[in-house]
Amino acid sequence: MNSKIRKILAGIFFVGITLLFLDFTGTIHAWFGWMAKIQFLPAVLALNLGVVIALILLTLLMGRIYCSVICPLGVLQDIFGWIGKKHRKNRYSYSKPMNVLRYVMLGFLVVTLVGGLGSVAALIAPYSAFGRIASNLFAPIYLWGNNLLASWAESVNSYAFYSVDVWLKGGVTLMVAIVTLAALFVLAYKNGRTYCNTICPVGTVLGFLSRFSYLKPVIDTSKCNGCGLCMNVCPFSAIDLYRIRRDWIANFDVPSGMTIDDVIEKELREGMYGRCVYQCDNDVVDHQIVSMEMESEVTISFSMDVFTLKDNRETHISLTEGEIDGDETCLRVRHFRGAEETVYDFSDLVHQPFHAGSDLAIVADFIDAIRTGRQDLTTSIECSIESHRICFEAERSRKEQRTILF
């Protein structure tokens, strides 16, 4: 579906369903009452087979159009996600489905419904969750606004509006609504529809069915006509990186009979370098902070971030008598006493390939050690193993969400 059409329809459904929960006159229900009847889970519970079948067929045809247009909670998350993407300092990223958790939540819903615990099931049902938010948080504001208009209308002898009583729900119900809205905002602000991908039982069912949708997005690289539109809108465009800027192309092997341009085009169309990180199975972290404590009680903090134009490493070492700063072009050694500073400039080495020539220097040193029989290498295999193990343990710590001791 066209993005603009989807957004217009989503806006209509969101406003219409929200007004259904706010309306105290009955007028809105006459116009938009049908929107409540086509909500998936309520239709399933009401055994409205016509609506259920229609929504399943719609999903099989167009994918999860229900979640992004008809479901008010899905649209609310899109609004929060849009706010997150607009915020400059927010690193918005797609939240991958947590399949184990989402199917556990689906099973939990089924068990609670079969067991007659409808009030418990309503806690994770999307339409019920939105209803609590609208009725407990939006409705009082809407009614107070109506009463202000009624007061103003009365002052000019108009009866277009009339005052109504404003009631706040009980503490537990109100708190559940506040916590639900806050959790949805935080999750969607950072990662989009995380609720849909982890908790929502409707999202789980329709997400499974959408795998077989007829009109689901498919990227066919063989049909690329080189229009460049993807390059214009993607800040991480591989086309711009390799074909236009020609950065990092030294990583490509150029077989006999091919040019570097041939290799670039082949990698972009067929290799791993042209895969969209948002559409493929890549699960490499894009930002990471690792905190380490050595046996000597020395602490180390390592920060890695892909969202920057800086293509270098920066180091800061704090010692008892001074500090060392480095940025791959120079090292600055500063002494606390006397503020003495010594600068070591390596800027003439920066543009050499393979980490400013250091990789080649290590290989050359190893070959020379074998040739001459000397034992004193610039670096040892033990140091390399130790540094690599730290990387692997940091990844294990991230995935298992725990501190690693070794």
Protein backbone atom coordinates (compact mmCIF):
# COMPACT_ATOMS: atom_id res chain seq x y z
CA MET A 1 0.00 0.00 0.00
CA ASN A 2 1.18 3.51 -0.78
CA SER A 3 2.69 5.13 2.32
CA LYS A 4 0.59 8.30 2.08
CA ILE A 5 -2.64 6.35 1.66
CA ARG A 6 -1.75 4.13 4.60
CA LYS A 7 -1.05 7.14 6.82
CA ILE A 8 -4.34 8.80 5.84
CA LEU A 9 -6.34 5.64 6.55
CA ALA A 10 -4.43 5.07 9.80
CA GLY A 11 -5.25 8.63 10.87
CA ILE A 12 -8.93 8.14 10.10
CA PHE A 13 -9.11 4.90 12.08
CA PHE A 14 -7.10 6.27 14.99
CA VAL A 15 -9.19 9.43 15.34
CA GLY A 16 -12.45 7.54 14.82
CA ILE A 17 -11.73 4.81 17.38
CA THR A 18 -10.37 7.33 19.89
CA LEU A 19 -13.58 9.36 19.58
CA LEU A 20 -15.59 6.20 20.24
CA PHE A 21 -14.01 6.03 23.69
CA LEU A 22 -14.42 9.76 24.29
CA ASP A 23 -17.95 10.30 22.96
CA PHE A 24 -20.64 10.93 25.59
CA THR A 25 -23.43 11.90 23.18
CA GLY A 26 -23.79 8.69 21.17
CA THR A 27 -23.37 10.63 17.93
CA ILE A 28 -19.91 9.30 17.13
CA HIS A 29 -21.03 5.69 17.56
CA ALA A 30 -23.60 6.16 14.83
CA TRP A 31 -20.83 7.11 12.43
CA PHE A 32 -17.80 5.09 13.55
CA GLY A 33 -19.26 2.24 15.59
CA TRP A 34 -18.32 -0.21 12.83
CA MET A 35 -14.62 0.45 13.50
CA ALA A 36 -14.94 -1.24 16.88
CA LYS A 37 -16.61 -4.27 15.32
CA ILE A 38 -13.69 -5.01 12.98
CA GLN A 39 -11.04 -5.23 15.73
CA PHE A 40 -9.47 -8.68 15.48
CA LEU A 41 -9.50 -10.03 19.05
CA PRO A 42 -12.97 -8.69 19.96
CA ALA A 43 -14.28 -10.25 16.72
CA VAL A 44 -12.69 -13.59 17.66
CA LEU A 45 -14.22 -13.50 21.15
CA ALA A 46 -17.61 -12.54 19.71
CA LEU A 47 -17.33 -15.40 17.17
CA ASN A 48 -17.82 -12.88 14.37
CA LEU A 49 -16.48 -15.22 11.72
CA GLY A 50 -17.15 -12.82 8.86
CA VAL A 51 -14.86 -10.15 10.31
CA VAL A 52 -12.19 -12.67 11.36
CA ILE A 53 -12.08 -14.28 7.92
CA ALA A 54 -12.03 -10.87 6.21
CA LEU A 55 -9.07 -9.72 8.33
CA ILE A 56 -7.19 -12.97 7.69
CA LEU A 57 -7.74 -12.64 3.95
CA LEU A 58 -6.65 -9.00 4.10
CA THR A 59 -3.45 -10.06 5.88
CA LEU A 60 -2.78 -12.83 3.36
CA LEU A 61 -3.22 -10.28 0.59
CA MET A 62 -1.44 -7.17 1.94
CA GLY A 63 0.50 -8.24 5.02
CA ARG A 64 0.06 -6.67 8.44
CA ILE A 65 -2.14 -3.84 7.23
CA TYR A 66 -4.36 -4.40 10.26
CA CYS A 67 -1.56 -3.54 12.70
CA SER A 68 -0.50 -0.39 10.87
CA VAL A 69 -3.94 0.98 9.92
CA ILE A 70 -6.89 -0.56 11.81
CA CYS A 71 -5.43 -1.28 15.26
CA PRO A 72 -5.35 1.98 17.28
CA LEU A 73 -2.54 0.71 19.51
CA GLY A 74 -0.37 -0.02 16.47
CA VAL A 75 -0.99 3.47 15.07
CA LEU A 76 -0.22 5.00 18.48
CA GLN A 77 3.14 3.20 18.48
CA ASP A 78 3.84 4.52 14.99
CA ILE A 79 3.20 8.05 16.28
CA PHE A 80 5.61 7.52 19.18
CA GLY A 81 8.14 5.96 16.81
CA TRP A 82 7.85 8.95 14.45
CA ILE A 83 8.59 11.26 17.38
CA GLY A 84 11.62 9.13 18.23
CA LYS A 85 12.97 9.25 14.68
CA LYS A 86 12.54 13.04 14.56
CA HIS A 87 14.56 13.55 17.72
CA ARG A 88 18.15 14.24 16.72
CA LYS A 89 19.80 12.50 19.65
CA ASN A 90 17.62 9.40 19.49
CA ARG A 91 19.19 6.36 17.82
CA TYR A 92 16.09 4.80 16.43
CA SER A 93 16.44 1.16 15.44
CA TYR A 94 14.15 -1.61 14.36
CA SER A 95 13.16 -4.06 17.08
CA LYS A 96 13.45 -7.64 15.90
CA PRO A 97 10.73 -10.10 16.93
CA MET A 98 11.37 -12.07 20.11
CA ASN A 99 9.70 -15.24 18.91
CA VAL A 100 9.92 -17.24 22.14
CA LEU A 101 8.39 -14.45 24.21
CA ARG A 102 5.68 -13.60 21.71
CA TYR A 103 4.46 -17.20 21.45
CA VAL A 104 4.56 -17.54 25.24
CA MET A 105 2.34 -14.45 25.47
CA LEU A 106 -0.01 -15.91 22.85
CA GLY A 107 -0.27 -19.11 24.87
CA PHE A 108 -0.85 -17.07 28.02
CA LEU A 109 -3.75 -15.28 26.35
CA VAL A 110 -5.35 -18.53 25.24
CA VAL A 111 -4.97 -20.10 28.70
CA THR A 112 -6.46 -17.08 30.49
CA LEU A 113 -9.41 -16.90 28.10
CA VAL A 114 -10.13 -20.62 28.40
CA GLY A 115 -9.79 -20.32 32.18
CA GLY A 116 -12.33 -17.51 32.30
CA LEU A 117 -9.76 -14.89 33.33
CA GLY A 118 -10.86 -12.28 30.82
CA SER A 119 -9.71 -9.35 32.96
CA VAL A 120 -6.18 -10.77 33.00
CA ALA A 121 -6.21 -11.41 29.25
CA ALA A 122 -7.33 -7.81 28.68
CA LEU A 123 -4.00 -6.58 30.04
CA ILE A 124 -2.17 -7.68 26.88
CA ALA A 125 -5.04 -7.43 24.37
CA PRO A 126 -4.23 -4.42 22.11
CA TYR A 127 -7.76 -3.03 21.75
CA SER A 128 -8.42 -3.34 25.48
CA ALA A 129 -5.09 -1.69 26.29
CA PHE A 130 -5.88 1.25 24.03
CA GLY A 131 -9.38 1.47 25.49
CA ARG A 132 -7.93 1.83 29.01
CA ILE A 133 -5.56 4.55 27.83
CA ALA A 134 -8.30 6.48 26.01
CA SER A 135 -10.96 6.08 28.73
CA ASN A 136 -8.71 6.83 31.71
CA LEU A 137 -6.26 9.38 30.31
CA PHE A 138 -7.70 10.96 27.17
CA ALA A 139 -11.37 11.10 28.20
CA PRO A 140 -10.99 13.39 31.26
CA ILE A 141 -9.01 15.90 29.18
CA TYR A 142 -11.62 15.70 26.41
CA LEU A 143 -14.49 16.26 28.88
CA TRP A 144 -12.73 19.17 30.62
CA GLY A 145 -12.24 20.76 27.21
CA ASN A 146 -15.92 20.25 26.45
CA ASN A 147 -16.87 21.92 29.75
CA LEU A 148 -14.68 24.92 28.95
CA LEU A 149 -16.42 25.28 25.60
CA ALA A 150 -19.80 24.91 27.33
CA SER A 151 -18.91 27.68 29.77
CA TRP A 152 -17.83 29.94 26.93
CA ALA A 153 -20.94 29.10 24.89
CA GLU A 154 -23.18 29.91 27.85
CA SER A 155 -21.52 33.32 28.19
CA VAL A 156 -22.62 34.18 24.63
CA ASN A 157 -26.09 32.65 25.08
CA SER A 158 -25.31 29.59 22.99
CA TYR A 159 -26.24 26.01 23.88
CA ALA A 160 -24.10 24.26 21.28
CA PHE A 161 -22.23 22.60 24.17
CA TYR A 162 -23.34 21.45 27.60
CA SER A 163 -21.37 20.59 30.72
CA VAL A 164 -20.95 17.00 31.88
CA ASP A 165 -19.51 15.39 34.99
CA VAL A 166 -15.88 14.34 34.77
CA TRP A 167 -15.05 11.11 36.57
CA LEU A 168 -11.59 9.65 37.17
CA LYS A 169 -11.39 5.88 37.35
CA GLY A 170 -10.09 3.97 40.36
CA GLY A 171 -6.42 4.12 41.31
CA VAL A 172 -5.46 0.66 40.06
CA THR A 173 -7.16 1.09 36.68
CA LEU A 174 -5.68 4.55 36.25
CA MET A 175 -2.19 3.34 37.19
CA VAL A 176 -2.40 0.43 34.74
CA ALA A 177 -3.33 2.89 31.98
CA ILE A 178 -0.44 5.23 32.87
CA VAL A 179 2.10 2.42 33.04
CA THR A 180 0.86 0.98 29.73
CA LEU A 181 1.11 4.34 27.95
CA ALA A 182 4.55 5.08 29.41
CA ALA A 183 5.89 1.63 28.46
CA LEU A 184 4.52 1.94 24.92
CA PHE A 185 6.08 5.39 24.52
CA VAL A 186 9.53 4.31 25.72
CA LEU A 187 9.56 1.14 23.61
CA ALA A 188 8.18 2.76 20.44
CA TYR A 189 10.35 5.88 20.84
CA LYS A 190 13.47 3.74 20.79
CA ASN A 191 12.55 0.72 18.66
CA GLY A 192 9.21 1.20 16.92
CA ARG A 193 6.51 -1.43 17.42
CA THR A 194 8.36 -3.47 20.05
CA TYR A 195 5.04 -4.30 21.75
CA CYS A 196 3.72 -5.79 18.50
CA ASN A 197 6.86 -7.91 18.07
CA THR A 198 7.12 -9.20 21.62
CA ILE A 199 3.81 -9.14 23.53
CA CYS A 200 0.79 -8.53 21.32
CA PRO A 201 -1.04 -11.83 20.60
CA VAL A 202 -2.80 -10.32 17.59
CA GLY A 203 0.56 -9.19 16.19
CA THR A 204 1.90 -12.72 16.67
CA VAL A 205 -0.97 -14.38 14.79
CA LEU A 206 -1.12 -11.84 11.95
CA GLY A 207 2.68 -11.65 11.80
CA PHE A 208 2.79 -15.39 11.13
CA LEU A 209 0.10 -15.13 8.45
CA SER A 210 1.82 -12.14 6.81
CA ARG A 211 4.75 -14.37 5.89
CA PHE A 212 2.49 -15.81 3.21
CA SER A 213 1.00 -12.50 2.05
CA TYR A 214 0.71 -12.06 -1.69
CA LEU A 215 1.82 -8.41 -1.77
CA LYS A 216 4.57 -8.53 0.87
CA PRO A 217 7.67 -6.43 0.08
CA VAL A 218 10.29 -8.37 -1.82
CA ILE A 219 13.63 -6.89 -2.85
CA ASP A 220 14.62 -8.39 -6.20
CA THR A 221 18.14 -7.15 -6.91
CA SER A 222 17.97 -8.52 -10.47
CA LYS A 223 15.34 -5.89 -11.28
CA CYS A 224 17.40 -2.95 -10.03
CA ASN A 225 17.47 -0.31 -12.76
CA GLY A 226 20.11 1.84 -11.11
CA CYS A 227 17.73 4.75 -10.39
CA GLY A 228 19.59 5.52 -7.17
CA LEU A 229 16.48 6.39 -5.14
CA CYS A 230 17.50 4.02 -2.36
CA MET A 231 20.89 5.75 -2.19
CA ASN A 232 19.21 9.14 -1.82
CA VAL A 233 17.10 8.17 1.20
CA CYS A 234 19.37 5.75 3.07
CA PRO A 235 22.08 7.38 5.23
CA PHE A 236 24.04 4.11 5.23
CA SER A 237 23.86 3.51 1.48
CA ALA A 238 26.30 0.85 0.30
CA ILE A 239 25.99 2.30 -3.22
CA ASP A 240 27.19 5.68 -1.99
CA LEU A 241 29.94 4.11 0.15
CA TYR A 242 31.47 1.83 -2.49
CA ARG A 243 30.41 3.09 -5.92
CA ILE A 244 30.42 6.87 -5.33
CA ARG A 245 32.83 7.55 -2.46
CA ARG A 246 34.87 4.40 -3.19
CA ASP A 247 35.65 3.89 0.48
CA TRP A 248 36.83 0.52 1.82
CA ILE A 249 37.15 -0.96 -1.65
CA ALA A 250 40.62 -2.22 -0.72
CA ASN A 251 38.76 -5.06 1.03
CA PHE A 252 37.61 -6.45 -2.32
CA ASP A 253 39.65 -9.09 -4.16
CA VAL A 254 39.92 -8.34 -7.86
CA PRO A 255 40.15 -11.61 -9.85
CA SER A 256 42.03 -11.78 -13.11
CA GLY A 257 39.98 -10.43 -15.99
CA MET A 258 37.88 -8.12 -13.80
CA THR A 259 38.27 -4.49 -12.80
CA ILE A 260 37.58 -3.02 -9.38
CA ASP A 261 34.41 -1.47 -10.83
CA ASP A 262 33.23 -4.91 -11.95
CA VAL A 263 33.83 -6.29 -8.45
CA ILE A 264 31.99 -3.39 -6.79
CA GLU A 265 28.91 -3.93 -8.97
CA LYS A 266 29.01 -7.68 -8.41
CA GLU A 267 29.27 -7.27 -4.62
CA LEU A 268 26.47 -4.70 -4.51
CA ARG A 269 24.10 -6.91 -6.52
CA GLU A 270 25.08 -10.40 -5.36
CA GLY A 271 27.44 -10.21 -2.39
CA MET A 272 27.01 -9.46 1.28
CA TYR A 273 28.19 -5.87 0.92
CA GLY A 274 25.02 -4.81 -0.86
CA ARG A 275 22.55 -6.29 1.61
CA CYS A 276 20.29 -3.85 3.46
CA VAL A 277 21.04 -4.14 7.19
CA TYR A 278 17.36 -3.54 7.99
CA GLN A 279 16.13 -6.33 5.71
CA CYS A 280 18.73 -9.09 6.05
CA ASP A 281 19.71 -11.45 8.86
CA ASN A 282 22.56 -9.26 10.12
CA ASP A 283 22.53 -9.09 13.94
CA VAL A 284 25.82 -7.28 14.54
CA VAL A 285 25.57 -4.55 17.20
CA ASP A 286 25.60 -0.95 15.97
CA HIS A 287 26.55 0.62 19.31
CA GLN A 288 28.08 -0.93 22.39
CA ILE A 289 29.69 0.01 25.70
CA VAL A 290 31.86 -2.57 27.47
CA SER A 291 33.02 -2.06 31.05
CA MET A 292 35.92 -4.18 32.33
CA GLU A 293 37.76 -4.48 35.63
CA MET A 294 41.19 -6.11 35.73
CA GLU A 295 42.64 -8.11 38.64
CA SER A 296 44.80 -5.07 39.45
CA GLU A 297 41.56 -3.04 39.91
CA VAL A 298 42.30 -1.05 36.76
CA THR A 299 38.99 -0.21 35.07
CA ILE A 300 38.50 0.02 31.29
CA SER A 301 35.53 1.42 29.40
CA PHE A 302 35.22 0.68 25.68
CA SER A 303 32.62 2.45 23.54
CA MET A 304 31.86 1.56 19.92
CA ASP A 305 29.39 3.50 17.77
CA VAL A 306 28.54 3.12 14.08
CA PHE A 307 26.39 6.27 13.97
CA THR A 308 29.20 8.72 13.32
CA LEU A 309 31.25 10.06 10.43
CA LYS A 310 34.42 9.50 12.43
CA ASP A 311 36.40 6.61 10.99
CA ASN A 312 38.99 6.29 13.71
CA ARG A 313 39.64 5.16 17.25
CA GLU A 314 40.15 7.48 20.19
CA THR A 315 41.96 6.44 23.36
CA HIS A 316 42.23 8.07 26.76
CA ILE A 317 44.33 6.54 29.51
CA SER A 318 44.29 8.02 33.03
CA LEU A 319 47.32 7.23 35.17
CA THR A 320 48.50 8.30 38.62
CA GLU A 321 51.05 10.84 37.33
CA GLY A 322 49.50 11.86 34.03
CA GLU A 323 47.28 10.91 31.11
CA ILE A 324 47.60 9.80 27.48
CA ASP A 325 45.28 10.79 24.63
CA GLY A 326 45.38 9.32 21.16
CA ASP A 327 43.30 9.59 17.98
CA GLU A 328 45.33 7.51 15.45
CA THR A 329 47.14 10.62 14.19
CA CYS A 330 49.09 11.44 17.32
CA LEU A 331 49.61 10.58 20.98
CA ARG A 332 49.68 13.27 23.64
CA VAL A 333 51.41 12.42 26.92
CA ARG A 334 50.62 14.93 29.67
CA HIS A 335 52.16 15.02 33.13
CA PHE A 336 50.10 16.34 36.01
CA ARG A 337 53.13 17.89 37.70
CA GLY A 338 54.37 20.84 35.70
CA ALA A 339 51.79 20.27 32.93
CA GLU A 340 54.55 18.97 30.68
CA GLU A 341 53.26 17.59 27.36
CA THR A 342 54.94 15.40 24.75
CA VAL A 343 53.31 14.85 21.33
CA TYR A 344 54.06 11.88 19.07
CA ASP A 345 52.83 12.60 15.55
CA PHE A 346 51.82 9.64 13.32
CA SER A 347 49.83 11.59 10.74
CA ASP A 348 52.18 10.53 7.94
CA LEU A 349 51.22 6.89 8.57
CA VAL A 350 47.43 7.26 8.76
CA HIS A 351 46.73 6.82 5.06
CA GLN A 352 48.73 3.62 4.71
CA PRO A 353 46.52 0.54 4.12
CA PHE A 354 45.74 -2.16 6.67
CA HIS A 355 45.47 -0.15 9.88
CA ALA A 356 48.10 2.44 8.98
CA GLY A 357 50.51 -0.31 7.95
CA SER A 358 50.55 -1.97 11.36
CA ASP A 359 49.08 -5.24 10.06
CA LEU A 360 51.77 -5.52 7.42
CA ALA A 361 54.44 -4.61 9.99
CA ILE A 362 53.33 -7.44 12.29
CA VAL A 363 53.43 -9.93 9.39
CA ALA A 364 56.84 -8.66 8.30
CA ASP A 365 58.14 -8.98 11.87
CA PHE A 366 56.83 -12.56 12.09
CA ILE A 367 58.46 -13.52 8.79
CA ASP A 368 61.74 -11.93 9.87
CA ALA A 369 61.63 -13.84 13.17
CA ILE A 370 61.24 -17.13 11.29
CA ARG A 371 64.05 -16.20 8.88
CA THR A 372 66.51 -15.16 11.59
CA GLY A 373 65.41 -17.49 14.36
CA ARG A 374 64.94 -14.72 16.94
CA GLN A 375 62.33 -15.13 19.68
CA ASP A 376 61.44 -11.53 20.54
CA LEU A 377 58.34 -10.73 18.45
CA THR A 378 56.72 -7.30 18.45
CA THR A 379 53.57 -8.97 19.76
CA SER A 380 52.83 -12.53 20.85
CA ILE A 381 50.13 -15.01 19.94
CA GLU A 382 49.12 -15.01 23.63
CA CYS A 383 48.34 -11.27 23.46
CA SER A 384 46.32 -11.75 20.29
CA ILE A 385 44.33 -14.63 21.81
CA GLU A 386 43.67 -12.62 24.96
CA SER A 387 42.43 -9.56 23.07
CA HIS A 388 40.21 -11.66 20.82
CA ARG A 389 38.77 -13.51 23.80
CA ILE A 390 37.82 -10.20 25.40
CA CYS A 391 35.79 -9.40 22.27
CA PHE A 392 34.03 -12.77 22.33
CA GLU A 393 33.31 -12.51 26.06
CA ALA A 394 31.90 -9.00 25.59
CA GLU A 395 29.51 -10.36 22.98
CA ARG A 396 28.55 -13.23 25.27
CA SER A 397 27.91 -10.73 28.06
CA ARG A 398 25.63 -8.71 25.76
CA LYS A 399 23.62 -11.69 24.56
CA GLU A 400 23.31 -13.35 27.96
CA GLN A 401 22.88 -10.00 29.75
CA ARG A 402 25.24 -10.85 32.59
CA THR A 403 28.72 -10.13 33.90
CA ILE A 404 31.45 -12.47 32.64
CA LEU A 405 34.31 -13.48 34.94
CA PHE A 406 37.52 -14.93 33.51
